[in-house]
C-alpha atoms as a PDB file:
ATOM      1  CA  UNK A   1     144.518 134.406  75.368  1.00  0.00           C
ATOM      2  CA  UNK A   2     141.082 133.337  76.610  1.00  0.00           C
ATOM      3  CA  UNK A   3     139.981 132.859  72.996  1.00  0.00           C
ATOM      4  CA  UNK A   4     142.709 130.241  72.496  1.00  0.00           C
ATOM      5  CA  UNK A   5     141.369 128.131  75.376  1.00  0.00           C
ATOM      6  CA  UNK A   6     137.798 128.541  74.189  1.00  0.00           C
ATOM      7  CA  UNK A   7     138.918 127.332  70.765  1.00  0.00           C
ATOM      8  CA  UNK A   8     140.599 124.307  72.357  1.00  0.00           C
ATOM      9  CA  UNK A   9     137.307 123.490  74.077  1.00  0.00           C
ATOM     10  CA  UNK A  10     135.621 123.797  70.680  1.00  0.00           C
ATOM     11  CA  UNK A  11     138.025 121.278  69.146  1.00  0.00           C
ATOM     12  CA  UNK A  12     137.469 118.954  72.093  1.00  0.00           C
ATOM     13  CA  UNK A  13     133.715 119.370  71.611  1.00  0.00           C
ATOM     14  CA  UNK A  14     133.923 118.445  67.922  1.00  0.00           C
ATOM     15  CA  UNK A  15     135.873 115.309  68.851  1.00  0.00           C
ATOM     16  CA  UNK A  16     133.310 114.430  71.528  1.00  0.00           C
ATOM     17  CA  UNK A  17     130.576 114.664  68.890  1.00  0.00           C
ATOM     18  CA  UNK A  18     132.564 112.307  66.625  1.00  0.00           C
ATOM     19  CA  UNK A  19     133.142 109.943  69.549  1.00  0.00           C
ATOM     20  CA  UNK A  20     129.420 109.908  70.295  1.00  0.00           C
ATOM     21  CA  UNK A  21     128.797 107.728  67.244  1.00  0.00           C
ATOM     22  CA  UNK A  22     130.903 104.999  68.827  1.00  0.00           C
ATOM     23  CA  UNK A  23     128.952 105.210  72.070  1.00  0.00           C
ATOM     24  CA  UNK A  24     125.687 105.236  70.100  1.00  0.00           C
ATOM     25  CA  UNK A  25     126.691 102.275  67.917  1.00  0.00           C
ATOM     26  CA  UNK A  26     127.851  99.810  70.533  1.00  0.00           C
ATOM     27  CA  UNK A  27     129.206  96.379  69.573  1.00  0.00           C
ATOM     28  CA  UNK A  28     126.590  94.189  71.298  1.00  0.00           C
ATOM     29  CA  UNK A  29     125.762  90.515  70.852  1.00  0.00           C
ATOM     30  CA  UNK A  30     126.073  90.594  67.054  1.00  0.00           C
ATOM     31  CA  UNK A  31     129.728  91.662  67.265  1.00  0.00           C
ATOM     32  CA  UNK A  32     130.465  89.188  70.051  1.00  0.00           C
ATOM     33  CA  UNK A  33     129.142  86.346  67.879  1.00  0.00           C
ATOM     34  CA  UNK A  34     131.446  87.188  64.963  1.00  0.00           C
ATOM     35  CA  UNK A  35     134.557  85.104  64.381  1.00  0.00           C
ATOM     36  CA  UNK A  36     137.442  87.426  65.227  1.00  0.00           C
ATOM     37  CA  UNK A  37     141.195  86.863  65.034  1.00  0.00           C
ATOM     38  CA  UNK A  38     142.976  85.920  68.273  1.00  0.00           C
ATOM     39  CA  UNK A  39     144.856  89.224  68.284  1.00  0.00           C
ATOM     40  CA  UNK A  40     141.638  91.261  68.552  1.00  0.00           C
ATOM     41  CA  UNK A  41     142.055  93.795  71.373  1.00  0.00           C
ATOM     42  CA  UNK A  42     139.882  93.281  74.452  1.00  0.00           C
ATOM     43  CA  UNK A  43     136.691  95.350  74.433  1.00  0.00           C
ATOM     44  CA  UNK A  44     137.924  97.610  77.251  1.00  0.00           C
ATOM     45  CA  UNK A  45     140.947  98.660  75.153  1.00  0.00           C
ATOM     46  CA  UNK A  46     138.892 100.518  72.545  1.00  0.00           C
ATOM     47  CA  UNK A  47     137.433 103.296  74.741  1.00  0.00           C
ATOM     48  CA  UNK A  48     140.768 103.807  76.506  1.00  0.00           C
ATOM     49  CA  UNK A  49     142.713 104.131  73.248  1.00  0.00           C
ATOM     50  CA  UNK A  50     140.060 106.265  71.565  1.00  0.00           C
ATOM     51  CA  UNK A  51     139.911 108.678  74.518  1.00  0.00           C
ATOM     52  CA  UNK A  52     143.642 109.334  74.196  1.00  0.00           C
ATOM     53  CA  UNK A  53     143.441 109.542  70.395  1.00  0.00           C
ATOM     54  CA  UNK A  54     140.517 111.982  70.424  1.00  0.00           C
ATOM     55  CA  UNK A  55     142.432 114.214  72.840  1.00  0.00           C
ATOM     56  CA  UNK A  56     145.413 114.153  70.460  1.00  0.00           C
ATOM     57  CA  UNK A  57     143.164 114.827  67.448  1.00  0.00           C
ATOM     58  CA  UNK A  58     141.614 117.813  69.248  1.00  0.00           C
ATOM     59  CA  UNK A  59     144.985 119.297  70.204  1.00  0.00           C
ATOM     60  CA  UNK A  60     146.303 118.717  66.688  1.00  0.00           C
ATOM     61  CA  UNK A  61     143.440 120.636  65.112  1.00  0.00           C
ATOM     62  CA  UNK A  62     143.775 123.381  67.709  1.00  0.00           C
ATOM     63  CA  UNK A  63     147.518 123.790  67.053  1.00  0.00           C
ATOM     64  CA  UNK A  64     146.837 124.259  63.347  1.00  0.00           C
ATOM     65  CA  UNK A  65     144.019 126.674  64.143  1.00  0.00           C
ATOM     66  CA  UNK A  66     146.464 128.731  66.229  1.00  0.00           C
ATOM     67  CA  UNK A  67     148.583 129.171  63.091  1.00  0.00           C
ATOM     68  CA  UNK A  68     146.036 129.599  60.289  1.00  0.00           C
ATOM     69  CA  UNK A  69     142.646 130.026  61.938  1.00  0.00           C
ATOM     70  CA  UNK A  70     139.787 128.478  60.039  1.00  0.00           C
ATOM     71  CA  UNK A  71     141.707 128.230  56.748  1.00  0.00           C
ATOM     72  CA  UNK A  72     139.640 126.235  54.280  1.00  0.00           C
ATOM     73  CA  UNK A  73     141.956 123.351  53.340  1.00  0.00           C
ATOM     74  CA  UNK A  74     143.337 122.426  56.783  1.00  0.00           C
ATOM     75  CA  UNK A  75     139.941 122.578  58.473  1.00  0.00           C
ATOM     76  CA  UNK A  76     138.199 120.784  55.591  1.00  0.00           C
ATOM     77  CA  UNK A  77     140.534 117.796  55.746  1.00  0.00           C
ATOM     78  CA  UNK A  78     140.351 117.827  59.541  1.00  0.00           C
ATOM     79  CA  UNK A  79     136.547 117.737  59.522  1.00  0.00           C
ATOM     80  CA  UNK A  80     136.492 115.151  56.720  1.00  0.00           C
ATOM     81  CA  UNK A  81     138.574 112.673  58.694  1.00  0.00           C
ATOM     82  CA  UNK A  82     136.448 113.243  61.808  1.00  0.00           C
ATOM     83  CA  UNK A  83     133.266 112.691  59.798  1.00  0.00           C
ATOM     84  CA  UNK A  84     134.629 109.450  58.367  1.00  0.00           C
ATOM     85  CA  UNK A  85     135.752 108.475  61.855  1.00  0.00           C
ATOM     86  CA  UNK A  86     132.237 108.952  63.215  1.00  0.00           C
ATOM     87  CA  UNK A  87     130.653 107.058  60.320  1.00  0.00           C
ATOM     88  CA  UNK A  88     132.633 103.836  60.738  1.00  0.00           C
ATOM     89  CA  UNK A  89     130.955 102.716  63.973  1.00  0.00           C
ATOM     90  CA  UNK A  90     127.525 103.406  62.542  1.00  0.00           C
ATOM     91  CA  UNK A  91     128.267 101.431  59.375  1.00  0.00           C
ATOM     92  CA  UNK A  92     129.897  98.492  61.141  1.00  0.00           C
ATOM     93  CA  UNK A  93     127.803  98.140  64.309  1.00  0.00           C
ATOM     94  CA  UNK A  94     124.430  99.697  63.450  1.00  0.00           C
ATOM     95  CA  UNK A  95     124.124  98.738  59.786  1.00  0.00           C
ATOM     96  CA  UNK A  96     126.188  95.566  60.344  1.00  0.00           C
ATOM     97  CA  UNK A  97     127.871  96.095  57.006  1.00  0.00           C
ATOM     98  CA  UNK A  98     131.366  94.728  57.516  1.00  0.00           C
ATOM     99  CA  UNK A  99     132.045  95.145  53.793  1.00  0.00           C
ATOM    100  CA  UNK A 100     131.021  98.800  53.616  1.00  0.00           C
ATOM    101  CA  UNK A 101     132.892  99.494  56.858  1.00  0.00           C
ATOM    102  CA  UNK A 102     136.053  98.087  55.283  1.00  0.00           C
ATOM    103  CA  UNK A 103     135.811 100.531  52.360  1.00  0.00           C
ATOM    104  CA  UNK A 104     134.976 103.326  54.776  1.00  0.00           C
ATOM    105  CA  UNK A 105     138.010 102.453  56.947  1.00  0.00           C
ATOM    106  CA  UNK A 106     140.193 102.708  53.857  1.00  0.00           C
ATOM    107  CA  UNK A 107     138.765 106.147  53.118  1.00  0.00           C
ATOM    108  CA  UNK A 108     139.330 107.132  56.754  1.00  0.00           C
ATOM    109  CA  UNK A 109     142.948 105.949  56.571  1.00  0.00           C
ATOM    110  CA  UNK A 110     143.522 108.030  53.430  1.00  0.00           C
ATOM    111  CA  UNK A 111     141.840 111.078  54.955  1.00  0.00           C
ATOM    112  CA  UNK A 112     144.105 110.869  58.004  1.00  0.00           C
ATOM    113  CA  UNK A 113     147.156 110.612  55.725  1.00  0.00           C
ATOM    114  CA  UNK A 114     146.014 113.730  53.849  1.00  0.00           C
ATOM    115  CA  UNK A 115     145.371 115.553  57.130  1.00  0.00           C
ATOM    116  CA  UNK A 116     148.858 114.650  58.361  1.00  0.00           C
ATOM    117  CA  UNK A 117     150.373 115.876  55.077  1.00  0.00           C
ATOM    118  CA  UNK A 118     148.459 119.168  55.149  1.00  0.00           C
ATOM    119  CA  UNK A 119     149.133 119.744  58.852  1.00  0.00           C
ATOM    120  CA  UNK A 120     152.858 118.991  58.378  1.00  0.00           C
ATOM    121  CA  UNK A 121     153.133 122.042  56.117  1.00  0.00           C
ATOM    122  CA  UNK A 122     151.741 124.191  58.936  1.00  0.00           C
ATOM    123  CA  UNK A 123     152.969 122.611  62.188  1.00  0.00           C
ATOM    124  CA  UNK A 124     155.009 119.443  62.503  1.00  0.00           C
ATOM    125  CA  UNK A 125     153.854 118.842  66.077  1.00  0.00           C
ATOM    126  CA  UNK A 126     150.215 118.881  64.951  1.00  0.00           C
ATOM    127  CA  UNK A 127     151.002 116.344  62.229  1.00  0.00           C
ATOM    128  CA  UNK A 128     152.934 114.117  64.647  1.00  0.00           C
ATOM    129  CA  UNK A 129     150.003 114.076  67.067  1.00  0.00           C
ATOM    130  CA  UNK A 130     147.985 112.315  64.354  1.00  0.00           C
ATOM    131  CA  UNK A 131     150.502 109.509  63.748  1.00  0.00           C
ATOM    132  CA  UNK A 132     149.213 107.256  66.596  1.00  0.00           C
ATOM    133  CA  UNK A 133     145.706 107.753  65.176  1.00  0.00           C
ATOM    134  CA  UNK A 134     146.965 106.619  61.753  1.00  0.00           C
ATOM    135  CA  UNK A 135     148.587 103.557  63.355  1.00  0.00           C
ATOM    136  CA  UNK A 136     145.415 102.657  65.280  1.00  0.00           C
ATOM    137  CA  UNK A 137     143.246 103.025  62.174  1.00  0.00           C
ATOM    138  CA  UNK A 138     145.710 100.791  60.313  1.00  0.00           C
ATOM    139  CA  UNK A 139     145.181  98.136  62.995  1.00  0.00           C
ATOM    140  CA  UNK A 140     141.416  98.700  62.834  1.00  0.00           C
ATOM    141  CA  UNK A 141     141.457  98.315  59.042  1.00  0.00           C
ATOM    142  CA  UNK A 142     143.340  95.011  59.255  1.00  0.00           C
ATOM    143  CA  UNK A 143     140.964  93.829  62.002  1.00  0.00           C
ATOM    144  CA  UNK A 144     137.953  94.830  59.888  1.00  0.00           C
ATOM    145  CA  UNK A 145     139.442  92.948  56.912  1.00  0.00           C
ATOM    146  CA  UNK A 146     140.074  89.858  59.022  1.00  0.00           C
ATOM    147  CA  UNK A 147     136.521  89.901  60.401  1.00  0.00           C
ATOM    148  CA  UNK A 148     135.175  90.348  56.877  1.00  0.00           C
ATOM    149  CA  UNK A 149     137.113  87.312  55.643  1.00  0.00           C
ATOM    150  CA  UNK A 150     136.224  85.157  58.659  1.00  0.00           C
ATOM    151  CA  UNK A 151     132.487  85.920  58.484  1.00  0.00           C
ATOM    152  CA  UNK A 152     131.310  85.611  54.871  1.00  0.00           C
ATOM    153  CA  UNK A 153     127.768  84.776  56.020  1.00  0.00           C
ATOM    154  CA  UNK A 154     127.558  88.051  57.999  1.00  0.00           C
ATOM    155  CA  UNK A 155     127.726  90.103  54.797  1.00  0.00           C
ATOM    156  CA  UNK A 156     124.430  90.460  52.890  1.00  0.00           C
ATOM    157  CA  UNK A 157     124.526  89.060  49.347  1.00  0.00           C
END
């Protein structure tokens, strides 16, 4: 029983590591100067939403772990989507590559879809916990696309 809770803490820890990239790659003045659509969420919304999503991502992975342990396919897709998640902030905010970040967001979206599909074969509740994450990344992708289109001079030639 104690091992289950230790494992949950491990999944939370992995999500905290992924979230660290967002805290490391903060938006800053460059992002503020970009032309963004009027429906862009306020800056305070992002950490609130991501905190809830990371908690759901951690529990989702943990629920699958309870069923299959560290089975290769479920944990590989889980770690792949978290890696892509962590990379987006670095690409967009640190490298300031709106174009690369758009491609990366598409890959992240696909990796979440694959994770949901794989998790659904193991535990439906684990898959359902990832649906809000998929929705938020869909919004983020459309926002990234809009920023890309509105700021052609911000993308290196």
